[in-house]
C-alpha cells in the first residue's frame, strides 16, 4: 500500500485548521501521512510540535518529502508557492482565491496540466472530509 504524504504551507489560522484536519484523517486512514508543516514565521514550529509533524521554514525544503500540499499562504504568494509544487508534479490544494490575477491563475492551471498534478481551489469547509 502506498502512502500519500501531505504537507501544509502556511500555518496561520486556516493553515492550522488544514494541519489538524490532515492529522485526524491520517489517524483514520493509514494511506495518508502528514509529512511536513511549513511556515516562514517561527511560531509555526510550535504548531508542528503540538501536532507531531516535521517543521520547515522554507517551502522549497518540502521537495521530495510530500506528494500533495495545502497552500495556505497570503494570496500574494499563491502563484509563487503553487508554481514551485506544480512544476514538480506535486498536487496542490490552494486556498481561495487561486491567485491575484487571471494570468497567474491561468499559469497555475497550465503548470498543473503540463505536470499531471491535480490543482484544486479550497472554497468550502474541510469539515465534511472528516466524516
Protein backbone atom coordinates (compact mmCIF):
# COMPACT_ATOMS: atom_id res chain seq x y z
CA UNK A 1 0.00 0.00 0.00
CA UNK A 2 1.37 3.39 -0.94
CA UNK A 3 1.10 6.32 1.42
CA UNK A 4 0.11 9.82 0.30
CA UNK A 5 2.45 12.28 2.02
CA UNK A 6 0.77 15.63 2.51
CA UNK A 7 2.11 18.95 3.70
CA UNK A 8 0.73 22.32 4.70
CA UNK A 9 2.46 25.53 3.66
CA UNK A 10 1.33 28.42 5.84
CA UNK A 11 0.33 27.87 9.46
CA UNK A 12 -1.86 30.85 10.19
CA UNK A 13 -5.46 30.35 11.32
CA UNK A 14 -6.57 28.42 8.23
CA UNK A 15 -3.28 26.58 7.84
CA UNK A 16 -3.54 25.23 11.39
CA UNK A 17 -7.02 24.02 10.53
CA UNK A 18 -5.70 22.19 7.44
CA UNK A 19 -2.96 20.59 9.56
CA UNK A 20 -5.46 19.46 12.20
CA UNK A 21 -7.78 18.01 9.54
CA UNK A 22 -4.96 16.06 7.92
CA UNK A 23 -3.90 14.79 11.35
CA UNK A 24 -7.43 13.49 12.03
CA UNK A 25 -7.71 11.97 8.55
CA UNK A 26 -4.33 10.24 8.91
CA UNK A 27 -5.49 8.63 12.16
CA UNK A 28 -8.45 7.14 10.30
CA UNK A 29 -6.59 6.21 7.12
CA UNK A 30 -3.08 4.72 7.18
CA UNK A 31 -2.70 5.57 3.47
CA UNK A 32 -2.34 9.26 4.45
CA UNK A 33 0.57 10.84 6.33
CA UNK A 34 1.02 14.45 7.40
CA UNK A 35 4.64 14.62 6.30
CA UNK A 36 5.52 18.30 6.67
CA UNK A 37 4.36 21.62 8.03
CA UNK A 38 5.91 24.83 6.80
CA UNK A 39 5.79 28.48 7.75
CA UNK A 40 8.26 31.32 7.39
CA UNK A 41 7.41 32.52 10.91
CA UNK A 42 8.96 30.75 13.91
CA UNK A 43 5.55 30.45 15.62
CA UNK A 44 4.70 27.71 13.11
CA UNK A 45 7.22 25.44 14.76
CA UNK A 46 5.08 25.31 17.91
CA UNK A 47 2.11 24.19 15.82
CA UNK A 48 4.20 21.47 14.20
CA UNK A 49 5.49 20.33 17.57
CA UNK A 50 1.97 20.14 19.03
CA UNK A 51 0.79 18.06 16.07
CA UNK A 52 3.94 15.95 15.91
CA UNK A 53 4.84 16.72 12.30
CA UNK A 54 8.20 17.76 10.86
CA UNK A 55 8.58 21.55 10.55
CA UNK A 56 10.31 23.53 7.80
CA UNK A 57 10.66 27.29 7.44
CA UNK A 58 11.02 27.34 3.64
CA UNK A 59 8.50 25.66 1.33
CA UNK A 60 11.30 24.63 -1.03
CA UNK A 61 12.52 22.25 1.69
CA UNK A 62 9.39 20.12 1.15
CA UNK A 63 10.61 18.89 -2.25
CA UNK A 64 10.92 15.11 -2.11
CA UNK A 65 9.05 14.97 1.19
CA UNK A 66 5.45 15.47 0.00
CA UNK A 67 3.14 14.22 -2.75
CA UNK A 68 0.48 16.89 -2.14
CA UNK A 69 0.26 20.21 -0.31
CA UNK A 70 -2.28 22.64 1.00
CA UNK A 71 -1.11 26.14 0.11
CA UNK A 72 -2.48 28.39 2.83
CA UNK A 73 -0.29 31.45 2.48
CA UNK A 74 -1.38 35.02 1.68
CA UNK A 75 -2.84 35.30 -1.83
CA UNK A 76 0.17 37.37 -2.90
CA UNK A 77 2.26 34.18 -2.70
CA UNK A 78 -0.19 31.63 -4.16
CA UNK A 79 1.37 31.77 -7.62
CA UNK A 80 4.97 31.55 -6.39
CA UNK A 81 4.36 28.68 -3.98
CA UNK A 82 1.84 26.84 -6.16
CA UNK A 83 4.13 27.06 -9.20
CA UNK A 84 7.01 25.54 -7.27
CA UNK A 85 5.00 22.45 -6.39
CA UNK A 86 3.06 22.09 -9.64
CA UNK A 87 6.27 22.23 -11.70
CA UNK A 88 7.40 19.19 -9.72
CA UNK A 89 4.15 17.26 -10.19
CA UNK A 90 3.07 17.78 -6.59
CA UNK A 91 -0.71 18.09 -6.17
CA UNK A 92 -1.93 21.42 -4.77
CA UNK A 93 -4.97 22.45 -2.80
CA UNK A 94 -4.80 26.26 -2.79
CA UNK A 95 -7.00 28.42 -0.58
CA UNK A 96 -9.26 30.84 -2.42
CA UNK A 97 -8.74 33.00 -4.30
CA UNK A 98 -6.49 30.95 -6.57
CA UNK A 99 -4.25 33.92 -7.36
CA UNK A 100 -4.05 37.69 -7.59
CA UNK A 101 -4.69 37.86 -11.33
CA UNK A 102 -6.36 35.89 -14.08
CA UNK A 103 -2.97 35.49 -15.79
CA UNK A 104 -1.46 33.93 -12.66
CA UNK A 105 -4.45 31.60 -12.34
CA UNK A 106 -4.13 30.55 -15.98
CA UNK A 107 -0.43 29.92 -15.44
CA UNK A 108 -1.14 27.65 -12.45
CA UNK A 109 -3.73 25.71 -14.47
CA UNK A 110 -1.23 25.33 -17.32
CA UNK A 111 1.51 24.09 -14.96
CA UNK A 112 -0.87 21.53 -13.45
CA UNK A 113 -1.86 20.31 -16.89
CA UNK A 114 1.76 20.02 -18.03
CA UNK A 115 2.89 18.11 -14.93
CA UNK A 116 -0.22 15.99 -14.45
CA UNK A 117 -0.67 17.32 -10.92
CA UNK A 118 -4.12 17.98 -9.50
CA UNK A 119 -4.84 21.64 -8.79
CA UNK A 120 -7.84 22.35 -6.58
CA UNK A 121 -9.13 25.56 -5.05
CA UNK A 122 -10.36 25.27 -1.47
CA UNK A 123 -13.72 27.00 -1.35
CA UNK A 124 -15.66 25.35 1.42
CA UNK A 125 -15.02 23.80 4.76
CA UNK A 126 -12.69 20.84 5.18
CA UNK A 127 -15.00 19.61 7.93
CA UNK A 128 -17.06 17.25 5.70
CA UNK A 129 -13.84 15.39 4.88
CA UNK A 130 -13.65 14.28 8.49
CA UNK A 131 -16.86 12.23 8.33
